[in-house]
Amino acid sequence: MIATPLWNLHVHSRLKSWIDTVTVAGKTFRYTETGSEGLINNKKLLHIQANGGVFHGQDPASQYIKTIFGFLGIKDCSELFVEGMDHDPENSESIVAAGIEKAKELGKTF
């Protein structure tokens, strides 16, 4: 599971640094005659992201998470976006509460 806020349309630098550290040829992926191949197979990923605005998973950060972990071999990626708290601050409590309920449902599959 990766839980992160959306920072300036991307992941924060500590998460990016960790991803760069674990993305290692021969360990988490390898090069083959037909191209690269992810070595992290049969694993699930749950990506939870809090956004002040509403992007529906089309922001660069969520696309990056899905792409890089797909590259490493993780194909089963669930996403939960808790969005719009800054865009609609009057409803921020209900937005967060709905996100918690969605997380509880997704948690049943992990």
PDB file of N, CA and C in Angstrom:
ATOM      1  N   MET A   1       0.843  -1.174   0.000  1.00  0.00           N
ATOM      2  CA  MET A   1       0.000   0.000   0.000  1.00  0.00           C
ATOM      3  C   MET A   1       0.886   1.234   0.000  1.00  0.00           C
ATOM      4  N   ILE A   2       0.489   2.185  -0.796  1.00  0.00           N
ATOM      5  CA  ILE A   2       1.142   3.490  -0.822  1.00  0.00           C
ATOM      6  C   ILE A   2       0.053   4.525  -0.571  1.00  0.00           C
ATOM      7  N   ALA A   3       0.259   5.335   0.438  1.00  0.00           N
ATOM      8  CA  ALA A   3      -0.672   6.426   0.742  1.00  0.00           C
ATOM      9  C   ALA A   3       0.120   7.722   0.683  1.00  0.00           C
ATOM     10  N   THR A   4      -0.366   8.642  -0.114  1.00  0.00           N
ATOM     11  CA  THR A   4       0.391   9.873  -0.327  1.00  0.00           C
ATOM     12  C   THR A   4      -0.536  11.031  -0.682  1.00  0.00           C
ATOM     13  N   PRO A   5      -0.124  12.241  -0.354  1.00  0.00           N
ATOM     14  CA  PRO A   5      -0.856  13.405  -0.863  1.00  0.00           C
ATOM     15  C   PRO A   5      -0.359  13.743  -2.258  1.00  0.00           C
ATOM     16  N   LEU A   6      -1.160  14.441  -3.001  1.00  0.00           N
ATOM     17  CA  LEU A   6      -0.733  14.979  -4.290  1.00  0.00           C
ATOM     18  C   LEU A   6      -0.021  16.300  -3.996  1.00  0.00           C
ATOM     19  N   TRP A   7       1.241  16.380  -4.351  1.00  0.00           N
ATOM     20  CA  TRP A   7       2.043  17.592  -4.130  1.00  0.00           C
ATOM     21  C   TRP A   7       2.436  18.169  -5.473  1.00  0.00           C
ATOM     22  N   ASN A   8       1.941  19.333  -5.791  1.00  0.00           N
ATOM     23  CA  ASN A   8       2.297  19.994  -7.047  1.00  0.00           C
ATOM     24  C   ASN A   8       2.178  19.041  -8.234  1.00  0.00           C
ATOM     25  N   LEU A   9       1.089  18.292  -8.251  1.00  0.00           N
ATOM     26  CA  LEU A   9       0.753  17.330  -9.304  1.00  0.00           C
ATOM     27  C   LEU A   9       1.697  16.135  -9.364  1.00  0.00           C
ATOM     28  N   HIS A  10       2.439  15.875  -8.303  1.00  0.00           N
ATOM     29  CA  HIS A  10       3.315  14.708  -8.311  1.00  0.00           C
ATOM     30  C   HIS A  10       3.446  14.121  -6.911  1.00  0.00           C
ATOM     31  N   VAL A  11       4.177  12.989  -6.828  1.00  0.00           N
ATOM     32  CA  VAL A  11       4.440  12.371  -5.529  1.00  0.00           C
ATOM     33  C   VAL A  11       5.495  13.203  -4.810  1.00  0.00           C
ATOM     34  N   HIS A  12       5.544  13.075  -3.492  1.00  0.00           N
ATOM     35  CA  HIS A  12       6.535  13.847  -2.750  1.00  0.00           C
ATOM     36  C   HIS A  12       7.925  13.239  -2.932  1.00  0.00           C
ATOM     37  N   SER A  13       8.945  14.006  -2.637  1.00  0.00           N
ATOM     38  CA  SER A  13      10.323  13.617  -2.957  1.00  0.00           C
ATOM     39  C   SER A  13      10.788  12.374  -2.197  1.00  0.00           C
ATOM     40  N   ARG A  14      10.318  12.151  -0.992  1.00  0.00           N
ATOM     41  CA  ARG A  14      10.736  10.953  -0.249  1.00  0.00           C
ATOM     42  C   ARG A  14      10.208   9.683  -0.909  1.00  0.00           C
ATOM     43  N   LEU A  15       8.977   9.705  -1.382  1.00  0.00           N
ATOM     44  CA  LEU A  15       8.430   8.545  -2.080  1.00  0.00           C
ATOM     45  C   LEU A  15       9.173   8.334  -3.397  1.00  0.00           C
ATOM     46  N   LYS A  16       9.421   9.396  -4.134  1.00  0.00           N
ATOM     47  CA  LYS A  16      10.163   9.288  -5.389  1.00  0.00           C
ATOM     48  C   LYS A  16      11.549   8.710  -5.145  1.00  0.00           C
ATOM     49  N   SER A  17      12.204   9.143  -4.100  1.00  0.00           N
ATOM     50  CA  SER A  17      13.526   8.631  -3.763  1.00  0.00           C
ATOM     51  C   SER A  17      13.475   7.142  -3.425  1.00  0.00           C
ATOM     52  N   TRP A  18      12.457   6.726  -2.668  1.00  0.00           N
ATOM     53  CA  TRP A  18      12.312   5.311  -2.319  1.00  0.00           C
ATOM     54  C   TRP A  18      12.075   4.480  -3.580  1.00  0.00           C
ATOM     55  N   ILE A  19      11.211   4.956  -4.461  1.00  0.00           N
ATOM     56  CA  ILE A  19      10.949   4.238  -5.710  1.00  0.00           C
ATOM     57  C   ILE A  19      12.235   4.109  -6.518  1.00  0.00           C
ATOM     58  N   ASP A  20      12.998   5.187  -6.605  1.00  0.00           N
ATOM     59  CA  ASP A  20      14.269   5.135  -7.334  1.00  0.00           C
ATOM     60  C   ASP A  20      15.230   4.130  -6.690  1.00  0.00           C
ATOM     61  N   THR A  21      15.176   3.993  -5.379  1.00  0.00           N
ATOM     62  CA  THR A  21      16.058   3.068  -4.671  1.00  0.00           C
ATOM     63  C   THR A  21      15.686   1.618  -4.928  1.00  0.00           C
ATOM     64  N   VAL A  22      14.393   1.297  -5.007  1.00  0.00           N
ATOM     65  CA  VAL A  22      13.978  -0.097  -5.186  1.00  0.00           C
ATOM     66  C   VAL A  22      13.845  -0.506  -6.652  1.00  0.00           C
ATOM     67  N   THR A  23      13.932   0.430  -7.563  1.00  0.00           N
ATOM     68  CA  THR A  23      13.881   0.112  -8.985  1.00  0.00           C
ATOM     69  C   THR A  23      15.300  -0.213  -9.446  1.00  0.00           C
ATOM     70  N   VAL A  24      15.652  -1.497  -9.365  1.00  0.00           N
ATOM     71  CA  VAL A  24      17.025  -1.940  -9.589  1.00  0.00           C
ATOM     72  C   VAL A  24      17.044  -3.078 -10.607  1.00  0.00           C
ATOM     73  N   ALA A  25      17.790  -2.876 -11.686  1.00  0.00           N
ATOM     74  CA  ALA A  25      17.935  -3.929 -12.698  1.00  0.00           C
ATOM     75  C   ALA A  25      18.524  -5.176 -12.045  1.00  0.00           C
ATOM     76  N   GLY A  26      17.903  -6.305 -12.330  1.00  0.00           N
ATOM     77  CA  GLY A  26      18.349  -7.571 -11.766  1.00  0.00           C
ATOM     78  C   GLY A  26      17.710  -7.906 -10.430  1.00  0.00           C
ATOM     79  N   LYS A  27      17.072  -6.937  -9.802  1.00  0.00           N
ATOM     80  CA  LYS A  27      16.402  -7.165  -8.511  1.00  0.00           C
ATOM     81  C   LYS A  27      14.882  -7.048  -8.643  1.00  0.00           C
ATOM     82  N   THR A  28      14.413  -5.920  -9.135  1.00  0.00           N
ATOM     83  CA  THR A  28      12.975  -5.709  -9.263  1.00  0.00           C
ATOM     84  C   THR A  28      12.510  -5.694 -10.721  1.00  0.00           C
ATOM     85  N   PHE A  29      13.447  -5.628 -11.649  1.00  0.00           N
ATOM     86  CA  PHE A  29      13.147  -5.793 -13.078  1.00  0.00           C
ATOM     87  C   PHE A  29      14.414  -6.286 -13.758  1.00  0.00           C
ATOM     88  N   ARG A  30      14.265  -6.790 -14.971  1.00  0.00           N
ATOM     89  CA  ARG A  30      15.440  -7.225 -15.727  1.00  0.00           C
ATOM     90  C   ARG A  30      15.242  -6.892 -17.197  1.00  0.00           C
ATOM     91  N   TYR A  31      16.363  -6.829 -17.882  1.00  0.00           N
ATOM     92  CA  TYR A  31      16.347  -6.615 -19.320  1.00  0.00           C
ATOM     93  C   TYR A  31      16.384  -7.970 -20.010  1.00  0.00           C
ATOM     94  N   THR A  32      15.560  -8.143 -21.042  1.00  0.00           N
ATOM     95  CA  THR A  32      15.549  -9.367 -21.826  1.00  0.00           C
ATOM     96  C   THR A  32      15.725  -9.002 -23.300  1.00  0.00           C
ATOM     97  N   GLU A  33      15.813 -10.004 -24.132  1.00  0.00           N
ATOM     98  CA  GLU A  33      15.950  -9.752 -25.565  1.00  0.00           C
ATOM     99  C   GLU A  33      14.728  -9.042 -26.146  1.00  0.00           C
ATOM    100  N   THR A  34      13.583  -9.220 -25.497  1.00  0.00           N
ATOM    101  CA  THR A  34      12.347  -8.611 -25.999  1.00  0.00           C
ATOM    102  C   THR A  34      11.962  -7.339 -25.242  1.00  0.00           C
ATOM    103  N   GLY A  35      12.802  -6.890 -24.310  1.00  0.00           N
ATOM    104  CA  GLY A  35      12.522  -5.676 -23.549  1.00  0.00           C
ATOM    105  C   GLY A  35      12.625  -5.933 -22.061  1.00  0.00           C
ATOM    106  N   SER A  36      12.232  -4.962 -21.278  1.00  0.00           N
ATOM    107  CA  SER A  36      12.321  -5.114 -19.823  1.00  0.00           C
ATOM    108  C   SER A  36      11.176  -5.976 -19.307  1.00  0.00           C
ATOM    109  N   GLU A  37      11.415  -6.601 -18.154  1.00  0.00           N
ATOM    110  CA  GLU A  37      10.428  -7.488 -17.538  1.00  0.00           C
ATOM    111  C   GLU A  37      10.424  -7.246 -16.034  1.00  0.00           C
ATOM    112  N   GLY A  38       9.255  -6.977 -15.472  1.00  0.00           N
ATOM    113  CA  GLY A  38       9.136  -6.787 -14.032  1.00  0.00           C
ATOM    114  C   GLY A  38       9.310  -8.094 -13.294  1.00  0.00           C
ATOM    115  N   LEU A  39       9.957  -8.031 -12.145  1.00  0.00           N
ATOM    116  CA  LEU A  39      10.223  -9.230 -11.344  1.00  0.00           C
ATOM    117  C   LEU A  39       9.377  -9.310 -10.078  1.00  0.00           C
ATOM    118  N   ILE A  40       8.529  -8.322  -9.858  1.00  0.00           N
ATOM    119  CA  ILE A  40       7.633  -8.357  -8.695  1.00  0.00           C
ATOM    120  C   ILE A  40       6.277  -8.841  -9.197  1.00  0.00           C
ATOM    121  N   ASN A  41       6.086 -10.137  -9.138  1.00  0.00           N
ATOM    122  CA  ASN A  41       4.876 -10.743  -9.683  1.00  0.00           C
ATOM    123  C   ASN A  41       3.971 -11.240  -8.552  1.00  0.00           C
ATOM    124  N   ASN A  42       2.698 -11.424  -8.883  1.00  0.00           N
ATOM    125  CA  ASN A  42       1.712 -11.957  -7.945  1.00  0.00           C
ATOM    126  C   ASN A  42       1.589 -11.121  -6.672  1.00  0.00           C
ATOM    127  N   LYS A  43       1.743  -9.827  -6.810  1.00  0.00           N
ATOM    128  CA  LYS A  43       1.585  -8.900  -5.687  1.00  0.00           C
ATOM    129  C   LYS A  43       0.486  -7.904  -6.035  1.00  0.00           C
ATOM    130  N   LYS A  44      -0.131  -7.378  -4.993  1.00  0.00           N
ATOM    131  CA  LYS A  44      -1.152  -6.345  -5.159  1.00  0.00           C
ATOM    132  C   LYS A  44      -0.602  -5.017  -4.677  1.00  0.00           C
ATOM    133  N   LEU A  45      -1.139  -3.949  -5.243  1.00  0.00           N
ATOM    134  CA  LEU A  45      -0.803  -2.608  -4.790  1.00  0.00           C
ATOM    135  C   LEU A  45      -2.097  -1.846  -4.569  1.00  0.00           C
ATOM    136  N   LEU A  46      -2.193  -1.188  -3.441  1.00  0.00           N
ATOM    137  CA  LEU A  46      -3.281  -0.253  -3.182  1.00  0.00           C
ATOM    138  C   LEU A  46      -2.649   1.120  -3.081  1.00  0.00           C
ATOM    139  N   HIS A  47      -3.052   2.019  -3.960  1.00  0.00           N
ATOM    140  CA  HIS A  47      -2.551   3.388  -3.959  1.00  0.00           C
ATOM    141  C   HIS A  47      -3.673   4.304  -3.474  1.00  0.00           C
ATOM    142  N   ILE A  48      -3.445   4.929  -2.333  1.00  0.00           N
ATOM    143  CA  ILE A  48      -4.395   5.893  -1.765  1.00  0.00           C
ATOM    144  C   ILE A  48      -3.768   7.274  -1.910  1.00  0.00           C
ATOM    145  N   GLN A  49      -4.523   8.187  -2.488  1.00  0.00           N
ATOM    146  CA  GLN A  49      -3.991   9.530  -2.716  1.00  0.00           C
ATOM    147  C   GLN A  49      -5.020  10.579  -2.332  1.00  0.00           C
ATOM    148  N   ALA A  50      -4.577  11.562  -1.569  1.00  0.00           N
ATOM    149  CA  ALA A  50      -5.424  12.692  -1.185  1.00  0.00           C
ATOM    150  C   ALA A  50      -5.105  13.870  -2.094  1.00  0.00           C
ATOM    151  N   ASN A  51      -6.158  14.441  -2.678  1.00  0.00           N
ATOM    152  CA  ASN A  51      -6.007  15.572  -3.598  1.00  0.00           C
ATOM    153  C   ASN A  51      -6.886  16.725  -3.147  1.00  0.00           C
ATOM    154  N   GLY A  52      -6.332  17.916  -3.164  1.00  0.00           N
ATOM    155  CA  GLY A  52      -7.147  19.083  -2.870  1.00  0.00           C
ATOM    156  C   GLY A  52      -8.151  19.368  -3.968  1.00  0.00           C
ATOM    157  N   GLY A  53      -7.766  19.081  -5.204  1.00  0.00           N
ATOM    158  CA  GLY A  53      -8.643  19.234  -6.363  1.00  0.00           C
ATOM    159  C   GLY A  53      -9.226  17.892  -6.760  1.00  0.00           C
ATOM    160  N   VAL A  54      -9.874  17.870  -7.900  1.00  0.00           N
ATOM    161  CA  VAL A  54     -10.505  16.641  -8.393  1.00  0.00           C
ATOM    162  C   VAL A  54      -9.877  16.296  -9.740  1.00  0.00           C
ATOM    163  N   PHE A  55      -9.234  15.118  -9.810  1.00  0.00           N
ATOM    164  CA  PHE A  55      -8.511  14.719 -11.013  1.00  0.00           C
ATOM    165  C   PHE A  55      -8.956  13.355 -11.558  1.00  0.00           C
ATOM    166  N   HIS A  56      -9.689  12.580 -10.783  1.00  0.00           N
ATOM    167  CA  HIS A  56     -10.190  11.269 -11.214  1.00  0.00           C
ATOM    168  C   HIS A  56      -9.074  10.340 -11.694  1.00  0.00           C
ATOM    169  N   GLY A  57      -7.919  10.393 -11.040  1.00  0.00           N
ATOM    170  CA  GLY A  57      -6.818   9.501 -11.400  1.00  0.00           C
ATOM    171  C   GLY A  57      -6.055   9.902 -12.645  1.00  0.00           C
ATOM    172  N   GLN A  58      -6.311  11.088 -13.180  1.00  0.00           N
ATOM    173  CA  GLN A  58      -5.640  11.523 -14.397  1.00  0.00           C
ATOM    174  C   GLN A  58      -4.474  12.475 -14.134  1.00  0.00           C
ATOM    175  N   ASP A  59      -4.115  12.651 -12.879  1.00  0.00           N
ATOM    176  CA  ASP A  59      -2.991  13.516 -12.537  1.00  0.00           C
ATOM    177  C   ASP A  59      -1.674  12.778 -12.771  1.00  0.00           C
ATOM    178  N   PRO A  60      -0.571  13.512 -12.967  1.00  0.00           N
ATOM    179  CA  PRO A  60       0.717  12.861 -13.228  1.00  0.00           C
ATOM    180  C   PRO A  60       1.183  11.924 -12.116  1.00  0.00           C
ATOM    181  N   ALA A  61       0.887  12.221 -10.874  1.00  0.00           N
ATOM    182  CA  ALA A  61       1.348  11.375  -9.766  1.00  0.00           C
ATOM    183  C   ALA A  61       0.713   9.993  -9.809  1.00  0.00           C
ATOM    184  N   SER A  62      -0.584   9.923  -9.959  1.00  0.00           N
ATOM    185  CA  SER A  62      -1.242   8.609  -9.974  1.00  0.00           C
ATOM    186  C   SER A  62      -0.871   7.827 -11.226  1.00  0.00           C
ATOM    187  N   GLN A  63      -0.686   8.512 -12.339  1.00  0.00           N
ATOM    188  CA  GLN A  63      -0.238   7.839 -13.560  1.00  0.00           C
ATOM    189  C   GLN A  63       1.170   7.285 -13.387  1.00  0.00           C
ATOM    190  N   TYR A  64       2.029   8.038 -12.708  1.00  0.00           N
ATOM    191  CA  TYR A  64       3.399   7.591 -12.440  1.00  0.00           C
ATOM    192  C   TYR A  64       3.402   6.339 -11.562  1.00  0.00           C
ATOM    193  N   ILE A  65       2.611   6.345 -10.494  1.00  0.00           N
ATOM    194  CA  ILE A  65       2.561   5.186  -9.589  1.00  0.00           C
ATOM    195  C   ILE A  65       2.114   3.947 -10.361  1.00  0.00           C
ATOM    196  N   LYS A  66       1.056   4.078 -11.134  1.00  0.00           N
ATOM    197  CA  LYS A  66       0.556   2.929 -11.892  1.00  0.00           C
ATOM    198  C   LYS A  66       1.596   2.455 -12.918  1.00  0.00           C
ATOM    199  N   THR A  67       2.253   3.380 -13.579  1.00  0.00           N
ATOM    200  CA  THR A  67       3.230   3.032 -14.606  1.00  0.00           C
ATOM    201  C   THR A  67       4.472   2.373 -14.008  1.00  0.00           C
ATOM    202  N   ILE A  68       5.058   2.966 -12.979  1.00  0.00           N
ATOM    203  CA  ILE A  68       6.312   2.441 -12.440  1.00  0.00           C
ATOM    204  C   ILE A  68       6.102   1.080 -11.787  1.00  0.00           C
ATOM    205  N   PHE A  69       5.005   0.891 -11.063  1.00  0.00           N
ATOM    206  CA  PHE A  69       4.790  -0.410 -10.431  1.00  0.00           C
ATOM    207  C   PHE A  69       4.363  -1.452 -11.461  1.00  0.00           C
ATOM    208  N   GLY A  70       3.716  -1.038 -12.534  1.00  0.00           N
ATOM    209  CA  GLY A  70       3.453  -1.947 -13.641  1.00  0.00           C
ATOM    210  C   GLY A  70       4.757  -2.380 -14.297  1.00  0.00           C
ATOM    211  N   PHE A  71       5.673  -1.454 -14.458  1.00  0.00           N
ATOM    212  CA  PHE A  71       6.993  -1.755 -14.995  1.00  0.00           C
ATOM    213  C   PHE A  71       7.721  -2.782 -14.126  1.00  0.00           C
ATOM    214  N   LEU A  72       7.525  -2.688 -12.809  1.00  0.00           N
ATOM    215  CA  LEU A  72       8.173  -3.628 -11.886  1.00  0.00           C
ATOM    216  C   LEU A  72       7.453  -4.968 -11.815  1.00  0.00           C
ATOM    217  N   GLY A  73       6.294  -5.080 -12.458  1.00  0.00           N
ATOM    218  CA  GLY A  73       5.595  -6.356 -12.533  1.00  0.00           C
ATOM    219  C   GLY A  73       4.288  -6.433 -11.770  1.00  0.00           C
ATOM    220  N   ILE A  74       3.917  -5.388 -11.058  1.00  0.00           N
ATOM    221  CA  ILE A  74       2.663  -5.394 -10.301  1.00  0.00           C
ATOM    222  C   ILE A  74       1.536  -4.952 -11.218  1.00  0.00           C
ATOM    223  N   LYS A  75       0.669  -5.894 -11.549  1.00  0.00           N
ATOM    224  CA  LYS A  75      -0.438  -5.612 -12.473  1.00  0.00           C
ATOM    225  C   LYS A  75      -1.760  -5.375 -11.741  1.00  0.00           C
ATOM    226  N   ASP A  76      -1.865  -5.869 -10.512  1.00  0.00           N
ATOM    227  CA  ASP A  76      -3.096  -5.735  -9.727  1.00  0.00           C
ATOM    228  C   ASP A  76      -2.986  -4.485  -8.862  1.00  0.00           C
ATOM    229  N   CYS A  77      -3.408  -3.358  -9.420  1.00  0.00           N
ATOM    230  CA  CYS A  77      -3.272  -2.066  -8.746  1.00  0.00           C
ATOM    231  C   CYS A  77      -4.663  -1.466  -8.517  1.00  0.00           C
ATOM    232  N   SER A  78      -5.027  -1.330  -7.247  1.00  0.00           N
ATOM    233  CA  SER A  78      -6.276  -0.652  -6.888  1.00  0.00           C
ATOM    234  C   SER A  78      -5.943   0.777  -6.494  1.00  0.00           C
ATOM    235  N   GLU A  79      -6.863   1.675  -6.792  1.00  0.00           N
ATOM    236  CA  GLU A  79      -6.634   3.084  -6.485  1.00  0.00           C
ATOM    237  C   GLU A  79      -7.815   3.641  -5.698  1.00  0.00           C
ATOM    238  N   LEU A  80      -7.492   4.497  -4.759  1.00  0.00           N
ATOM    239  CA  LEU A  80      -8.504   5.210  -3.987  1.00  0.00           C
ATOM    240  C   LEU A  80      -8.077   6.668  -3.932  1.00  0.00           C
ATOM    241  N   PHE A  81      -8.906   7.522  -4.494  1.00  0.00           N
ATOM    242  CA  PHE A  81      -8.619   8.946  -4.494  1.00  0.00           C
ATOM    243  C   PHE A  81      -9.619   9.651  -3.587  1.00  0.00           C
ATOM    244  N   VAL A  82      -9.100  10.351  -2.606  1.00  0.00           N
ATOM    245  CA  VAL A  82      -9.918  11.185  -1.730  1.00  0.00           C
ATOM    246  C   VAL A  82      -9.672  12.606  -2.236  1.00  0.00           C
ATOM    247  N   GLU A  83     -10.656  13.128  -2.957  1.00  0.00           N
ATOM    248  CA  GLU A  83     -10.424  14.342  -3.733  1.00  0.00           C
ATOM    249  C   GLU A  83     -11.379  15.475  -3.416  1.00  0.00           C
ATOM    250  N   GLY A  84     -10.881  16.695  -3.593  1.00  0.00           N
ATOM    251  CA  GLY A  84     -11.727  17.869  -3.581  1.00  0.00           C
ATOM    252  C   GLY A  84     -11.820  18.620  -2.265  1.00  0.00           C
ATOM    253  N   MET A  85     -10.980  18.255  -1.297  1.00  0.00           N
ATOM    254  CA  MET A  85     -11.088  18.928  -0.001  1.00  0.00           C
ATOM    255  C   MET A  85     -10.787  20.425  -0.085  1.00  0.00           C
ATOM    256  N   ASP A  86      -9.854  20.828  -0.940  1.00  0.00           N
ATOM    257  CA  ASP A  86      -9.557  22.257  -1.099  1.00  0.00           C
ATOM    258  C   ASP A  86     -10.530  22.927  -2.055  1.00  0.00           C
ATOM    259  N   HIS A  87     -10.972  22.172  -3.038  1.00  0.00           N
ATOM    260  CA  HIS A  87     -11.918  22.704  -4.022  1.00  0.00           C
ATOM    261  C   HIS A  87     -13.289  22.976  -3.395  1.00  0.00           C
ATOM    262  N   ASP A  88     -13.658  22.121  -2.444  1.00  0.00           N
ATOM    263  CA  ASP A  88     -14.965  22.224  -1.795  1.00  0.00           C
ATOM    264  C   ASP A  88     -14.801  22.069  -0.279  1.00  0.00           C
ATOM    265  N   PRO A  89     -14.164  23.053   0.379  1.00  0.00           N
ATOM    266  CA  PRO A  89     -13.828  22.908   1.794  1.00  0.00           C
ATOM    267  C   PRO A  89     -15.032  22.714   2.724  1.00  0.00           C
ATOM    268  N   GLU A  90     -16.210  23.196   2.322  1.00  0.00           N
ATOM    269  CA  GLU A  90     -17.391  23.015   3.167  1.00  0.00           C
ATOM    270  C   GLU A  90     -17.753  21.542   3.315  1.00  0.00           C
ATOM    271  N   ASN A  91     -17.373  20.741   2.335  1.00  0.00           N
ATOM    272  CA  ASN A  91     -17.700  19.314   2.346  1.00  0.00           C
ATOM    273  C   ASN A  91     -16.491  18.424   2.623  1.00  0.00           C
ATOM    274  N   SER A  92     -15.406  19.010   3.121  1.00  0.00           N
ATOM    275  CA  SER A  92     -14.182  18.232   3.305  1.00  0.00           C
ATOM    276  C   SER A  92     -14.367  17.077   4.289  1.00  0.00           C
ATOM    277  N   GLU A  93     -15.130  17.281   5.346  1.00  0.00           N
ATOM    278  CA  GLU A  93     -15.335  16.195   6.315  1.00  0.00           C
ATOM    279  C   GLU A  93     -16.077  15.025   5.678  1.00  0.00           C
ATOM    280  N   SER A  94     -17.092  15.299   4.893  1.00  0.00           N
ATOM    281  CA  SER A  94     -17.836  14.203   4.259  1.00  0.00           C
ATOM    282  C   SER A  94     -17.006  13.539   3.158  1.00  0.00           C
ATOM    283  N   ILE A  95     -16.151  14.303   2.487  1.00  0.00           N
ATOM    284  CA  ILE A  95     -15.263  13.729   1.474  1.00  0.00           C
ATOM    285  C   ILE A  95     -14.299  12.746   2.128  1.00  0.00           C
ATOM    286  N   VAL A  96     -13.711  13.147   3.240  1.00  0.00           N
ATOM    287  CA  VAL A  96     -12.780  12.274   3.964  1.00  0.00           C
ATOM    288  C   VAL A  96     -13.521  11.056   4.510  1.00  0.00           C
ATOM    289  N   ALA A  97     -14.701  11.250   5.063  1.00  0.00           N
ATOM    290  CA  ALA A  97     -15.481  10.126   5.601  1.00  0.00           C
ATOM    291  C   ALA A  97     -15.817   9.116   4.503  1.00  0.00           C
ATOM    292  N   ALA A  98     -16.168   9.593   3.324  1.00  0.00           N
ATOM    293  CA  ALA A  98     -16.452   8.692   2.204  1.00  0.00           C
ATOM    294  C   ALA A  98     -15.195   7.937   1.793  1.00  0.00           C
ATOM    295  N   GLY A  99     -14.054   8.611   1.835  1.00  0.00           N
ATOM    296  CA  GLY A  99     -12.786   7.958   1.521  1.00  0.00           C
ATOM    297  C   GLY A  99     -12.450   6.862   2.514  1.00  0.00           C
ATOM    298  N   ILE A 100     -12.726   7.092   3.780  1.00  0.00           N
ATOM    299  CA  ILE A 100     -12.483   6.074   4.810  1.00  0.00           C
ATOM    300  C   ILE A 100     -13.359   4.856   4.567  1.00  0.00           C
ATOM    301  N   GLU A 101     -14.605   5.064   4.207  1.00  0.00           N
ATOM    302  CA  GLU A 101     -15.503   3.942   3.921  1.00  0.00           C
ATOM    303  C   GLU A 101     -15.020   3.144   2.706  1.00  0.00           C
ATOM    304  N   LYS A 102     -14.559   3.851   1.672  1.00  0.00           N
ATOM    305  CA  LYS A 102     -14.022   3.164   0.497  1.00  0.00           C
ATOM    306  C   LYS A 102     -12.778   2.363   0.865  1.00  0.00           C
ATOM    307  N   ALA A 103     -11.943   2.926   1.728  1.00  0.00           N
ATOM    308  CA  ALA A 103     -10.733   2.226   2.165  1.00  0.00           C
ATOM    309  C   ALA A 103     -11.080   0.960   2.942  1.00  0.00           C
ATOM    310  N   LYS A 104     -12.104   1.032   3.766  1.00  0.00           N
ATOM    311  CA  LYS A 104     -12.534  -0.167   4.509  1.00  0.00           C
ATOM    312  C   LYS A 104     -12.973  -1.256   3.553  1.00  0.00           C
ATOM    313  N   GLU A 105     -13.699  -0.891   2.505  1.00  0.00           N
ATOM    314  CA  GLU A 105     -14.143  -1.879   1.517  1.00  0.00           C
ATOM    315  C   GLU A 105     -12.955  -2.477   0.761  1.00  0.00           C
ATOM    316  N   LEU A 106     -12.046  -1.634   0.327  1.00  0.00           N
ATOM    317  CA  LEU A 106     -10.866  -2.129  -0.390  1.00  0.00           C
ATOM    318  C   LEU A 106      -9.992  -2.990   0.523  1.00  0.00           C
ATOM    319  N   GLY A 107      -9.955  -2.645   1.798  1.00  0.00           N
ATOM    320  CA  GLY A 107      -9.140  -3.401   2.752  1.00  0.00           C
ATOM    321  C   GLY A 107      -9.574  -4.850   2.894  1.00  0.00           C
ATOM    322  N   LYS A 108     -10.798  -5.139   2.575  1.00  0.00           N
ATOM    323  CA  LYS A 108     -11.292  -6.507   2.682  1.00  0.00           C
ATOM    324  C   LYS A 108     -10.657  -7.428   1.647  1.00  0.00           C
ATOM    325  N   THR A 109     -10.093  -6.884   0.594  1.00  0.00           N
ATOM    326  CA  THR A 109      -9.492  -7.697  -0.457  1.00  0.00           C
ATOM    327  C   THR A 109      -7.985  -7.843  -0.299  1.00  0.00           C
ATOM    328  N   PHE A 110      -7.418  -7.279   0.728  1.00  0.00           N
ATOM    329  CA  PHE A 110      -5.972  -7.372   0.931  1.00  0.00           C
ATOM    330  C   PHE A 110      -5.641  -8.254   2.107  1.00  0.00           C
TER     331      PHE A 110
END
